[in-house]
């Protein structure tokens, strides 16, 4: 996931500024408002895309099964005649 600082730095570099801080020093009010609006939108999209990512298969296994590898064999029931 992209951090807010990464998004700000990328935004400034795409507009030919060395850093976000340099952009803030040079930008007029309208440029700054547009930048904050765009960065907020990009950050929100990054947050939503992170939430909507499918879970990794390993994360679906309960923790007690990860810790105790013999869980299945310890609690298995055999039906013998």
PDB file of N, CA and C in Angstrom:
ATOM      1  N   UNK A   1       0.841  -1.172   0.000  1.00  0.00           N
ATOM      2  CA  UNK A   1       0.000   0.000   0.000  1.00  0.00           C
ATOM      3  C   UNK A   1       0.891   1.242   0.000  1.00  0.00           C
ATOM      4  N   UNK A   2       0.476   2.225  -0.736  1.00  0.00           N
ATOM      5  CA  UNK A   2       1.230   3.466  -0.793  1.00  0.00           C
ATOM      6  C   UNK A   2       0.930   4.305   0.451  1.00  0.00           C
ATOM      7  N   UNK A   3       1.975   4.855   1.019  1.00  0.00           N
ATOM      8  CA  UNK A   3       1.791   5.723   2.176  1.00  0.00           C
ATOM      9  C   UNK A   3       1.447   7.133   1.704  1.00  0.00           C
ATOM     10  N   UNK A   4       0.942   7.920   2.621  1.00  0.00           N
ATOM     11  CA  UNK A   4       0.590   9.297   2.299  1.00  0.00           C
ATOM     12  C   UNK A   4       1.831  10.080   1.878  1.00  0.00           C
ATOM     13  N   UNK A   5       2.938   9.867   2.555  1.00  0.00           N
ATOM     14  CA  UNK A   5       4.182  10.563   2.190  1.00  0.00           C
ATOM     15  C   UNK A   5       4.656  10.178   0.795  1.00  0.00           C
ATOM     16  N   UNK A   6       4.494   8.908   0.438  1.00  0.00           N
ATOM     17  CA  UNK A   6       4.881   8.454  -0.900  1.00  0.00           C
ATOM     18  C   UNK A   6       3.998   9.120  -1.963  1.00  0.00           C
ATOM     19  N   UNK A   7       2.712   9.222  -1.705  1.00  0.00           N
ATOM     20  CA  UNK A   7       1.787   9.850  -2.658  1.00  0.00           C
ATOM     21  C   UNK A   7       2.113  11.329  -2.809  1.00  0.00           C
ATOM     22  N   UNK A   8       2.401  12.018  -1.708  1.00  0.00           N
ATOM     23  CA  UNK A   8       2.749  13.441  -1.776  1.00  0.00           C
ATOM     24  C   UNK A   8       4.040  13.645  -2.564  1.00  0.00           C
ATOM     25  N   UNK A   9       5.039  12.826  -2.304  1.00  0.00           N
ATOM     26  CA  UNK A   9       6.315  12.956  -3.012  1.00  0.00           C
ATOM     27  C   UNK A   9       6.148  12.688  -4.503  1.00  0.00           C
ATOM     28  N   UNK A  10       5.376  11.680  -4.841  1.00  0.00           N
ATOM     29  CA  UNK A  10       5.130  11.354  -6.249  1.00  0.00           C
ATOM     30  C   UNK A  10       4.388  12.487  -6.942  1.00  0.00           C
ATOM     31  N   UNK A  11       3.388  13.053  -6.267  1.00  0.00           N
ATOM     32  CA  UNK A  11       2.628  14.170  -6.832  1.00  0.00           C
ATOM     33  C   UNK A  11       3.560  15.344  -7.146  1.00  0.00           C
ATOM     34  N   UNK A  12       4.433  15.681  -6.204  1.00  0.00           N
ATOM     35  CA  UNK A  12       5.350  16.803  -6.407  1.00  0.00           C
ATOM     36  C   UNK A  12       6.340  16.518  -7.534  1.00  0.00           C
ATOM     37  N   UNK A  13       6.875  15.306  -7.579  1.00  0.00           N
ATOM     38  CA  UNK A  13       7.853  14.962  -8.609  1.00  0.00           C
ATOM     39  C   UNK A  13       7.228  14.943  -9.996  1.00  0.00           C
ATOM     40  N   UNK A  14       5.960  14.547 -10.090  1.00  0.00           N
ATOM     41  CA  UNK A  14       5.289  14.552 -11.391  1.00  0.00           C
ATOM     42  C   UNK A  14       5.087  15.970 -11.910  1.00  0.00           C
ATOM     43  N   UNK A  15       5.120  16.935 -11.021  1.00  0.00           N
ATOM     44  CA  UNK A  15       4.977  18.335 -11.410  1.00  0.00           C
ATOM     45  C   UNK A  15       6.322  19.067 -11.403  1.00  0.00           C
ATOM     46  N   UNK A  16       7.390  18.294 -11.499  1.00  0.00           N
ATOM     47  CA  UNK A  16       8.767  18.803 -11.626  1.00  0.00           C
ATOM     48  C   UNK A  16       9.255  19.589 -10.412  1.00  0.00           C
ATOM     49  N   UNK A  17       8.871  19.170  -9.216  1.00  0.00           N
ATOM     50  CA  UNK A  17       9.406  19.729  -7.982  1.00  0.00           C
ATOM     51  C   UNK A  17      10.285  18.672  -7.324  1.00  0.00           C
ATOM     52  N   UNK A  18      11.268  19.116  -6.578  1.00  0.00           N
ATOM     53  CA  UNK A  18      12.205  18.182  -5.939  1.00  0.00           C
ATOM     54  C   UNK A  18      11.546  17.375  -4.831  1.00  0.00           C
ATOM     55  N   UNK A  19      10.647  18.009  -4.100  1.00  0.00           N
ATOM     56  CA  UNK A  19      10.012  17.338  -2.966  1.00  0.00           C
ATOM     57  C   UNK A  19       8.659  17.991  -2.697  1.00  0.00           C
ATOM     58  N   UNK A  20       7.902  17.361  -1.818  1.00  0.00           N
ATOM     59  CA  UNK A  20       6.604  17.915  -1.422  1.00  0.00           C
ATOM     60  C   UNK A  20       6.802  19.248  -0.688  1.00  0.00           C
ATOM     61  N   UNK A  21       7.835  19.339   0.126  1.00  0.00           N
ATOM     62  CA  UNK A  21       8.109  20.571   0.865  1.00  0.00           C
ATOM     63  C   UNK A  21       8.425  21.722  -0.089  1.00  0.00           C
ATOM     64  N   UNK A  22       9.198  21.432  -1.130  1.00  0.00           N
ATOM     65  CA  UNK A  22       9.521  22.462  -2.123  1.00  0.00           C
ATOM     66  C   UNK A  22       8.260  22.900  -2.861  1.00  0.00           C
ATOM     67  N   UNK A  23       7.398  21.953  -3.176  1.00  0.00           N
ATOM     68  CA  UNK A  23       6.125  22.288  -3.816  1.00  0.00           C
ATOM     69  C   UNK A  23       5.313  23.224  -2.924  1.00  0.00           C
ATOM     70  N   UNK A  24       5.261  22.931  -1.626  1.00  0.00           N
ATOM     71  CA  UNK A  24       4.484  23.761  -0.700  1.00  0.00           C
ATOM     72  C   UNK A  24       5.036  25.181  -0.612  1.00  0.00           C
ATOM     73  N   UNK A  25       6.351  25.341  -0.723  1.00  0.00           N
ATOM     74  CA  UNK A  25       6.948  26.675  -0.678  1.00  0.00           C
ATOM     75  C   UNK A  25       6.625  27.487  -1.928  1.00  0.00           C
ATOM     76  N   UNK A  26       6.572  26.833  -3.072  1.00  0.00           N
ATOM     77  CA  UNK A  26       6.406  27.525  -4.350  1.00  0.00           C
ATOM     78  C   UNK A  26       4.937  27.700  -4.735  1.00  0.00           C
ATOM     79  N   UNK A  27       4.092  26.771  -4.343  1.00  0.00           N
ATOM     80  CA  UNK A  27       2.704  26.738  -4.814  1.00  0.00           C
ATOM     81  C   UNK A  27       1.891  27.914  -4.277  1.00  0.00           C
ATOM     82  N   UNK A  28       1.002  28.418  -5.141  1.00  0.00           N
ATOM     83  CA  UNK A  28       0.047  29.412  -4.669  1.00  0.00           C
ATOM     84  C   UNK A  28      -1.154  28.684  -4.052  1.00  0.00           C
ATOM     85  N   UNK A  29      -2.121  29.436  -3.559  1.00  0.00           N
ATOM     86  CA  UNK A  29      -3.256  28.826  -2.853  1.00  0.00           C
ATOM     87  C   UNK A  29      -4.033  27.853  -3.727  1.00  0.00           C
ATOM     88  N   UNK A  30      -4.288  28.235  -4.972  1.00  0.00           N
ATOM     89  CA  UNK A  30      -5.065  27.363  -5.862  1.00  0.00           C
ATOM     90  C   UNK A  30      -4.322  26.059  -6.164  1.00  0.00           C
ATOM     91  N   UNK A  31      -3.022  26.166  -6.410  1.00  0.00           N
ATOM     92  CA  UNK A  31      -2.224  24.956  -6.662  1.00  0.00           C
ATOM     93  C   UNK A  31      -2.232  24.038  -5.444  1.00  0.00           C
ATOM     94  N   UNK A  32      -2.105  24.637  -4.252  1.00  0.00           N
ATOM     95  CA  UNK A  32      -2.063  23.836  -3.034  1.00  0.00           C
ATOM     96  C   UNK A  32      -3.408  23.150  -2.781  1.00  0.00           C
ATOM     97  N   UNK A  33      -4.503  23.866  -2.985  1.00  0.00           N
ATOM     98  CA  UNK A  33      -5.839  23.279  -2.787  1.00  0.00           C
ATOM     99  C   UNK A  33      -6.060  22.130  -3.758  1.00  0.00           C
ATOM    100  N   UNK A  34      -5.687  22.325  -5.020  1.00  0.00           N
ATOM    101  CA  UNK A  34      -5.842  21.262  -6.010  1.00  0.00           C
ATOM    102  C   UNK A  34      -4.967  20.058  -5.649  1.00  0.00           C
ATOM    103  N   UNK A  35      -3.762  20.317  -5.166  1.00  0.00           N
ATOM    104  CA  UNK A  35      -2.860  19.225  -4.783  1.00  0.00           C
ATOM    105  C   UNK A  35      -3.429  18.428  -3.618  1.00  0.00           C
ATOM    106  N   UNK A  36      -3.918  19.117  -2.597  1.00  0.00           N
ATOM    107  CA  UNK A  36      -4.478  18.423  -1.433  1.00  0.00           C
ATOM    108  C   UNK A  36      -5.697  17.607  -1.840  1.00  0.00           C
ATOM    109  N   UNK A  37      -6.529  18.162  -2.706  1.00  0.00           N
ATOM    110  CA  UNK A  37      -7.714  17.441  -3.176  1.00  0.00           C
ATOM    111  C   UNK A  37      -7.314  16.176  -3.946  1.00  0.00           C
ATOM    112  N   UNK A  38      -6.358  16.306  -4.837  1.00  0.00           N
ATOM    113  CA  UNK A  38      -5.900  15.158  -5.629  1.00  0.00           C
ATOM    114  C   UNK A  38      -5.229  14.107  -4.748  1.00  0.00           C
ATOM    115  N   UNK A  39      -4.393  14.551  -3.827  1.00  0.00           N
ATOM    116  CA  UNK A  39      -3.697  13.616  -2.939  1.00  0.00           C
ATOM    117  C   UNK A  39      -4.687  12.891  -2.039  1.00  0.00           C
ATOM    118  N   UNK A  40      -5.690  13.601  -1.545  1.00  0.00           N
ATOM    119  CA  UNK A  40      -6.712  12.950  -0.712  1.00  0.00           C
ATOM    120  C   UNK A  40      -7.449  11.879  -1.499  1.00  0.00           C
ATOM    121  N   UNK A  41      -7.764  12.168  -2.751  1.00  0.00           N
ATOM    122  CA  UNK A  41      -8.446  11.193  -3.603  1.00  0.00           C
ATOM    123  C   UNK A  41      -7.554   9.971  -3.858  1.00  0.00           C
ATOM    124  N   UNK A  42      -6.289  10.200  -4.184  1.00  0.00           N
ATOM    125  CA  UNK A  42      -5.362   9.092  -4.432  1.00  0.00           C
ATOM    126  C   UNK A  42      -5.149   8.245  -3.180  1.00  0.00           C
ATOM    127  N   UNK A  43      -5.064   8.900  -2.022  1.00  0.00           N
ATOM    128  CA  UNK A  43      -4.874   8.162  -0.774  1.00  0.00           C
ATOM    129  C   UNK A  43      -6.113   7.330  -0.444  1.00  0.00           C
ATOM    130  N   UNK A  44      -7.301   7.896  -0.668  1.00  0.00           N
ATOM    131  CA  UNK A  44      -8.537   7.146  -0.417  1.00  0.00           C
ATOM    132  C   UNK A  44      -8.635   5.939  -1.347  1.00  0.00           C
ATOM    133  N   UNK A  45      -8.272   6.118  -2.609  1.00  0.00           N
ATOM    134  CA  UNK A  45      -8.292   4.997  -3.556  1.00  0.00           C
ATOM    135  C   UNK A  45      -7.306   3.906  -3.133  1.00  0.00           C
ATOM    136  N   UNK A  46      -6.144   4.308  -2.633  1.00  0.00           N
ATOM    137  CA  UNK A  46      -5.155   3.326  -2.172  1.00  0.00           C
ATOM    138  C   UNK A  46      -5.678   2.560  -0.962  1.00  0.00           C
ATOM    139  N   UNK A  47      -6.373   3.248  -0.060  1.00  0.00           N
ATOM    140  CA  UNK A  47      -6.939   2.587   1.118  1.00  0.00           C
ATOM    141  C   UNK A  47      -8.008   1.584   0.711  1.00  0.00           C
ATOM    142  N   UNK A  48      -8.884   1.986  -0.215  1.00  0.00           N
ATOM    143  CA  UNK A  48      -9.972   1.104  -0.654  1.00  0.00           C
ATOM    144  C   UNK A  48      -9.415  -0.099  -1.394  1.00  0.00           C
ATOM    145  N   UNK A  49      -8.429   0.115  -2.253  1.00  0.00           N
ATOM    146  CA  UNK A  49      -7.869  -1.019  -2.992  1.00  0.00           C
ATOM    147  C   UNK A  49      -7.171  -1.990  -2.050  1.00  0.00           C
ATOM    148  N   UNK A  50      -6.602  -1.481  -0.966  1.00  0.00           N
ATOM    149  CA  UNK A  50      -5.960  -2.358   0.015  1.00  0.00           C
ATOM    150  C   UNK A  50      -7.004  -3.192   0.759  1.00  0.00           C
ATOM    151  N   UNK A  51      -8.152  -2.617   1.058  1.00  0.00           N
ATOM    152  CA  UNK A  51      -9.219  -3.336   1.765  1.00  0.00           C
ATOM    153  C   UNK A  51      -9.832  -4.395   0.867  1.00  0.00           C
ATOM    154  N   UNK A  52      -9.943  -4.112  -0.427  1.00  0.00           N
ATOM    155  CA  UNK A  52     -10.619  -5.019  -1.346  1.00  0.00           C
ATOM    156  C   UNK A  52      -9.718  -6.116  -1.903  1.00  0.00           C
ATOM    157  N   UNK A  53      -8.435  -6.116  -1.549  1.00  0.00           N
ATOM    158  CA  UNK A  53      -7.548  -7.176  -2.028  1.00  0.00           C
ATOM    159  C   UNK A  53      -7.998  -8.511  -1.457  1.00  0.00           C
ATOM    160  N   UNK A  54      -7.948  -9.564  -2.259  1.00  0.00           N
ATOM    161  CA  UNK A  54      -8.321 -10.876  -1.718  1.00  0.00           C
ATOM    162  C   UNK A  54      -7.319 -11.323  -0.655  1.00  0.00           C
ATOM    163  N   UNK A  55      -7.824 -12.015   0.330  1.00  0.00           N
ATOM    164  CA  UNK A  55      -6.967 -12.491   1.419  1.00  0.00           C
ATOM    165  C   UNK A  55      -6.028 -13.569   0.901  1.00  0.00           C
ATOM    166  N   UNK A  56      -4.842 -13.622   1.452  1.00  0.00           N
ATOM    167  CA  UNK A  56      -3.912 -14.685   1.094  1.00  0.00           C
ATOM    168  C   UNK A  56      -4.416 -15.990   1.681  1.00  0.00           C
ATOM    169  N   UNK A  57      -4.112 -17.051   1.023  1.00  0.00           N
ATOM    170  CA  UNK A  57      -4.597 -18.357   1.456  1.00  0.00           C
ATOM    171  C   UNK A  57      -4.111 -18.705   2.868  1.00  0.00           C
ATOM    172  N   UNK A  58      -2.893 -18.323   3.212  1.00  0.00           N
ATOM    173  CA  UNK A  58      -2.359 -18.621   4.544  1.00  0.00           C
ATOM    174  C   UNK A  58      -3.128 -17.906   5.644  1.00  0.00           C
ATOM    175  N   UNK A  59      -3.694 -16.742   5.327  1.00  0.00           N
ATOM    176  CA  UNK A  59      -4.425 -15.986   6.338  1.00  0.00           C
ATOM    177  C   UNK A  59      -5.770 -16.609   6.661  1.00  0.00           C
ATOM    178  N   UNK A  60      -6.233 -17.525   5.842  1.00  0.00           N
ATOM    179  CA  UNK A  60      -7.532 -18.136   6.070  1.00  0.00           C
ATOM    180  C   UNK A  60      -7.466 -19.283   7.073  1.00  0.00           C
ATOM    181  N   UNK A  61      -6.267 -19.736   7.397  1.00  0.00           N
ATOM    182  CA  UNK A  61      -6.099 -20.833   8.350  1.00  0.00           C
ATOM    183  C   UNK A  61      -6.125 -20.245   9.760  1.00  0.00           C
ATOM    184  N   UNK A  62      -6.968 -20.767  10.644  1.00  0.00           N
ATOM    185  CA  UNK A  62      -7.022 -20.236  12.013  1.00  0.00           C
ATOM    186  C   UNK A  62      -5.671 -20.360  12.709  1.00  0.00           C
ATOM    187  N   UNK A  63      -5.412 -19.444  13.626  1.00  0.00           N
ATOM    188  CA  UNK A  63      -4.121 -19.411  14.309  1.00  0.00           C
ATOM    189  C   UNK A  63      -3.831 -20.696  15.078  1.00  0.00           C
ATOM    190  N   UNK A  64      -4.855 -21.298  15.711  1.00  0.00           N
ATOM    191  CA  UNK A  64      -4.592 -22.504  16.494  1.00  0.00           C
ATOM    192  C   UNK A  64      -4.122 -23.649  15.606  1.00  0.00           C
ATOM    193  N   UNK A  65      -4.534 -23.641  14.334  1.00  0.00           N
ATOM    194  CA  UNK A  65      -4.083 -24.688  13.418  1.00  0.00           C
ATOM    195  C   UNK A  65      -2.661 -24.410  12.940  1.00  0.00           C
ATOM    196  N   UNK A  66      -2.274 -23.141  12.862  1.00  0.00           N
ATOM    197  CA  UNK A  66      -0.908 -22.807  12.463  1.00  0.00           C
ATOM    198  C   UNK A  66       0.073 -23.183  13.566  1.00  0.00           C
ATOM    199  N   UNK A  67      -0.307 -22.927  14.814  1.00  0.00           N
ATOM    200  CA  UNK A  67       0.582 -23.206  15.937  1.00  0.00           C
ATOM    201  C   UNK A  67       0.719 -24.695  16.195  1.00  0.00           C
ATOM    202  N   UNK A  68      -0.397 -25.409  16.151  1.00  0.00           N
ATOM    203  CA  UNK A  68      -0.395 -26.826  16.484  1.00  0.00           C
ATOM    204  C   UNK A  68      -0.594 -27.631  15.210  1.00  0.00           C
ATOM    205  N   UNK A  69       0.493 -28.087  14.642  1.00  0.00           N
ATOM    206  CA  UNK A  69       0.417 -28.823  13.378  1.00  0.00           C
ATOM    207  C   UNK A  69      -0.327 -30.140  13.534  1.00  0.00           C
ATOM    208  N   UNK A  70      -0.333 -30.688  14.744  1.00  0.00           N
ATOM    209  CA  UNK A  70      -0.976 -31.986  14.950  1.00  0.00           C
ATOM    210  C   UNK A  70      -2.434 -31.840  15.387  1.00  0.00           C
ATOM    211  N   UNK A  71      -3.010 -30.652  15.216  1.00  0.00           N
ATOM    212  CA  UNK A  71      -4.394 -30.424  15.636  1.00  0.00           C
ATOM    213  C   UNK A  71      -5.345 -31.418  14.989  1.00  0.00           C
ATOM    214  N   UNK A  72      -5.195 -31.604  13.693  1.00  0.00           N
ATOM    215  CA  UNK A  72      -6.110 -32.478  12.963  1.00  0.00           C
ATOM    216  C   UNK A  72      -6.004 -33.923  13.451  1.00  0.00           C
ATOM    217  N   UNK A  73      -4.794 -34.410  13.626  1.00  0.00           N
ATOM    218  CA  UNK A  73      -4.631 -35.798  14.053  1.00  0.00           C
ATOM    219  C   UNK A  73      -5.030 -35.989  15.519  1.00  0.00           C
ATOM    220  N   UNK A  74      -4.856 -34.978  16.343  1.00  0.00           N
ATOM    221  CA  UNK A  74      -5.187 -35.108  17.764  1.00  0.00           C
ATOM    222  C   UNK A  74      -6.692 -35.180  17.985  1.00  0.00           C
ATOM    223  N   UNK A  75      -7.456 -34.515  17.139  1.00  0.00           N
ATOM    224  CA  UNK A  75      -8.896 -34.465  17.333  1.00  0.00           C
ATOM    225  C   UNK A  75      -9.683 -35.211  16.265  1.00  0.00           C
ATOM    226  N   UNK A  76      -9.017 -36.011  15.482  1.00  0.00           N
ATOM    227  CA  UNK A  76      -9.733 -36.744  14.442  1.00  0.00           C
ATOM    228  C   UNK A  76     -10.471 -37.931  15.061  1.00  0.00           C
ATOM    229  N   UNK A  77     -11.569 -38.251  14.471  1.00  0.00           N
ATOM    230  CA  UNK A  77     -12.395 -39.361  14.954  1.00  0.00           C
ATOM    231  C   UNK A  77     -12.298 -40.477  13.936  1.00  0.00           C
ATOM    232  N   UNK A  78     -12.036 -41.666  14.400  1.00  0.00           N
ATOM    233  CA  UNK A  78     -11.985 -42.794  13.475  1.00  0.00           C
ATOM    234  C   UNK A  78     -13.244 -43.631  13.662  1.00  0.00           C
ATOM    235  N   UNK A  79     -13.792 -44.037  12.572  1.00  0.00           N
ATOM    236  CA  UNK A  79     -14.997 -44.870  12.583  1.00  0.00           C
ATOM    237  C   UNK A  79     -14.608 -46.282  12.159  1.00  0.00           C
ATOM    238  N   UNK A  80     -14.147 -47.053  13.094  1.00  0.00           N
ATOM    239  CA  UNK A  80     -13.767 -48.429  12.766  1.00  0.00           C
ATOM    240  C   UNK A  80     -14.843 -49.385  13.266  1.00  0.00           C
ATOM    241  N   UNK A  81     -15.004 -50.481  12.566  1.00  0.00           N
ATOM    242  CA  UNK A  81     -16.034 -51.464  12.925  1.00  0.00           C
ATOM    243  C   UNK A  81     -15.474 -52.553  13.761  1.00  0.00           C
TER     244      UNK A  81
END
